[in-house]
C-alpha cells in the first residue's frame, strides 16, 4: 500500500488521483470515477469531488493508497 501525504485537511478524489500519478489528467480521473472503478474505504465512489481525508484508503483495481495528513 502506497502512502500519500497531504498538507491540507482533505483532498478531492480527482485531485488525489492526479497527485498520486494514477492518472495524467482530470479527464482520465473523471472516467475512472464515473465507471465505478474507484473505492474509498471499501465502497465504490462515483463523486469526483468526494473529500478524501486522513487515513482514508483508496483502491483502483490492484492499486491501494492510504492518505495521511502531515499535520
C-alpha atoms as a PDB file:
ATOM      1  CA  UNK A   1       0.000   0.000   0.000  1.00  0.00           C
ATOM      2  CA  UNK A   2       1.384   3.367  -1.037  1.00  0.00           C
ATOM      3  CA  UNK A   3       1.060   6.240   1.433  1.00  0.00           C
ATOM      4  CA  UNK A   4       0.132   9.654   0.080  1.00  0.00           C
ATOM      5  CA  UNK A   5       0.960  12.625   2.301  1.00  0.00           C
ATOM      6  CA  UNK A   6      -1.242  15.719   2.122  1.00  0.00           C
ATOM      7  CA  UNK A   7      -0.804  19.032   3.925  1.00  0.00           C
ATOM      8  CA  UNK A   8      -4.469  20.045   3.955  1.00  0.00           C
ATOM      9  CA  UNK A   9      -7.470  18.678   5.856  1.00  0.00           C
ATOM     10  CA  UNK A  10      -8.698  16.870   2.739  1.00  0.00           C
ATOM     11  CA  UNK A  11      -8.091  16.427  -0.985  1.00  0.00           C
ATOM     12  CA  UNK A  12     -10.742  15.911  -3.661  1.00  0.00           C
ATOM     13  CA  UNK A  13     -10.861  12.474  -5.257  1.00  0.00           C
ATOM     14  CA  UNK A  14      -9.960  13.663  -8.766  1.00  0.00           C
ATOM     15  CA  UNK A  15      -7.071  15.762  -7.415  1.00  0.00           C
ATOM     16  CA  UNK A  16      -5.758  12.807  -5.425  1.00  0.00           C
ATOM     17  CA  UNK A  17      -5.669  10.540  -8.475  1.00  0.00           C
ATOM     18  CA  UNK A  18      -3.596  13.144 -10.340  1.00  0.00           C
ATOM     19  CA  UNK A  19      -1.382  13.904  -7.304  1.00  0.00           C
ATOM     20  CA  UNK A  20      -0.619  10.190  -6.823  1.00  0.00           C
ATOM     21  CA  UNK A  21       0.195   9.797 -10.556  1.00  0.00           C
ATOM     22  CA  UNK A  22      -2.598   7.265 -11.079  1.00  0.00           C
ATOM     23  CA  UNK A  23      -3.938   9.345 -13.982  1.00  0.00           C
ATOM     24  CA  UNK A  24      -2.419  12.007 -16.192  1.00  0.00           C
ATOM     25  CA  UNK A  25      -5.389  14.361 -16.340  1.00  0.00           C
ATOM     26  CA  UNK A  26      -8.640  15.319 -14.707  1.00  0.00           C
ATOM     27  CA  UNK A  27     -10.463  13.782 -17.664  1.00  0.00           C
ATOM     28  CA  UNK A  28      -8.906  10.396 -17.002  1.00  0.00           C
ATOM     29  CA  UNK A  29      -9.806  10.684 -13.312  1.00  0.00           C
ATOM     30  CA  UNK A  30     -13.401  11.521 -14.238  1.00  0.00           C
ATOM     31  CA  UNK A  31     -13.690   8.389 -16.382  1.00  0.00           C
ATOM     32  CA  UNK A  32     -12.262   6.048 -13.723  1.00  0.00           C
ATOM     33  CA  UNK A  33     -14.548   7.502 -11.071  1.00  0.00           C
ATOM     34  CA  UNK A  34     -17.705   7.545 -13.225  1.00  0.00           C
ATOM     35  CA  UNK A  35     -17.161   3.929 -14.288  1.00  0.00           C
ATOM     36  CA  UNK A  36     -17.148   2.865 -10.625  1.00  0.00           C
ATOM     37  CA  UNK A  37     -13.539   1.704 -10.625  1.00  0.00           C
ATOM     38  CA  UNK A  38     -12.549   3.656  -7.506  1.00  0.00           C
ATOM     39  CA  UNK A  39     -13.297   2.554  -3.946  1.00  0.00           C
ATOM     40  CA  UNK A  40     -12.915   4.593  -0.771  1.00  0.00           C
ATOM     41  CA  UNK A  41     -12.701   2.541   2.412  1.00  0.00           C
ATOM     42  CA  UNK A  42     -14.134  -0.453   0.551  1.00  0.00           C
ATOM     43  CA  UNK A  43     -17.113   1.341  -1.048  1.00  0.00           C
ATOM     44  CA  UNK A  44     -17.436   2.374  -4.696  1.00  0.00           C
ATOM     45  CA  UNK A  45     -17.461   6.159  -5.055  1.00  0.00           C
ATOM     46  CA  UNK A  46     -18.712   7.941  -8.180  1.00  0.00           C
ATOM     47  CA  UNK A  47     -18.307  11.545  -6.978  1.00  0.00           C
ATOM     48  CA  UNK A  48     -15.276  13.359  -8.455  1.00  0.00           C
ATOM     49  CA  UNK A  49     -15.355  15.931  -5.677  1.00  0.00           C
ATOM     50  CA  UNK A  50     -15.513  13.395  -2.830  1.00  0.00           C
ATOM     51  CA  UNK A  51     -13.398  14.686   0.062  1.00  0.00           C
ATOM     52  CA  UNK A  52     -10.630  12.250   0.903  1.00  0.00           C
ATOM     53  CA  UNK A  53      -9.368  12.699   4.449  1.00  0.00           C
ATOM     54  CA  UNK A  54      -6.675  11.398   6.774  1.00  0.00           C
ATOM     55  CA  UNK A  55      -6.420   7.583   6.911  1.00  0.00           C
ATOM     56  CA  UNK A  56      -8.871   7.002   4.017  1.00  0.00           C
ATOM     57  CA  UNK A  57      -7.912   4.037   1.845  1.00  0.00           C
ATOM     58  CA  UNK A  58      -8.388   4.328  -1.917  1.00  0.00           C
ATOM     59  CA  UNK A  59      -8.455   1.308  -4.246  1.00  0.00           C
ATOM     60  CA  UNK A  60      -8.224   1.394  -8.023  1.00  0.00           C
ATOM     61  CA  UNK A  61      -8.046  -2.144  -9.410  1.00  0.00           C
ATOM     62  CA  UNK A  62      -4.836  -3.553  -7.830  1.00  0.00           C
ATOM     63  CA  UNK A  63      -3.551  -0.188  -6.540  1.00  0.00           C
ATOM     64  CA  UNK A  64      -4.073   0.759  -2.898  1.00  0.00           C
ATOM     65  CA  UNK A  65      -3.387   4.201  -1.476  1.00  0.00           C
ATOM     66  CA  UNK A  66      -3.588   5.417   2.104  1.00  0.00           C
ATOM     67  CA  UNK A  67      -3.953   9.154   2.608  1.00  0.00           C
ATOM     68  CA  UNK A  68      -2.105  10.633   5.570  1.00  0.00           C
ATOM     69  CA  UNK A  69      -2.239  14.208   6.780  1.00  0.00           C
ATOM     70  CA  UNK A  70       1.166  15.674   7.620  1.00  0.00           C
ATOM     71  CA  UNK A  71      -0.290  17.744  10.465  1.00  0.00           C
END
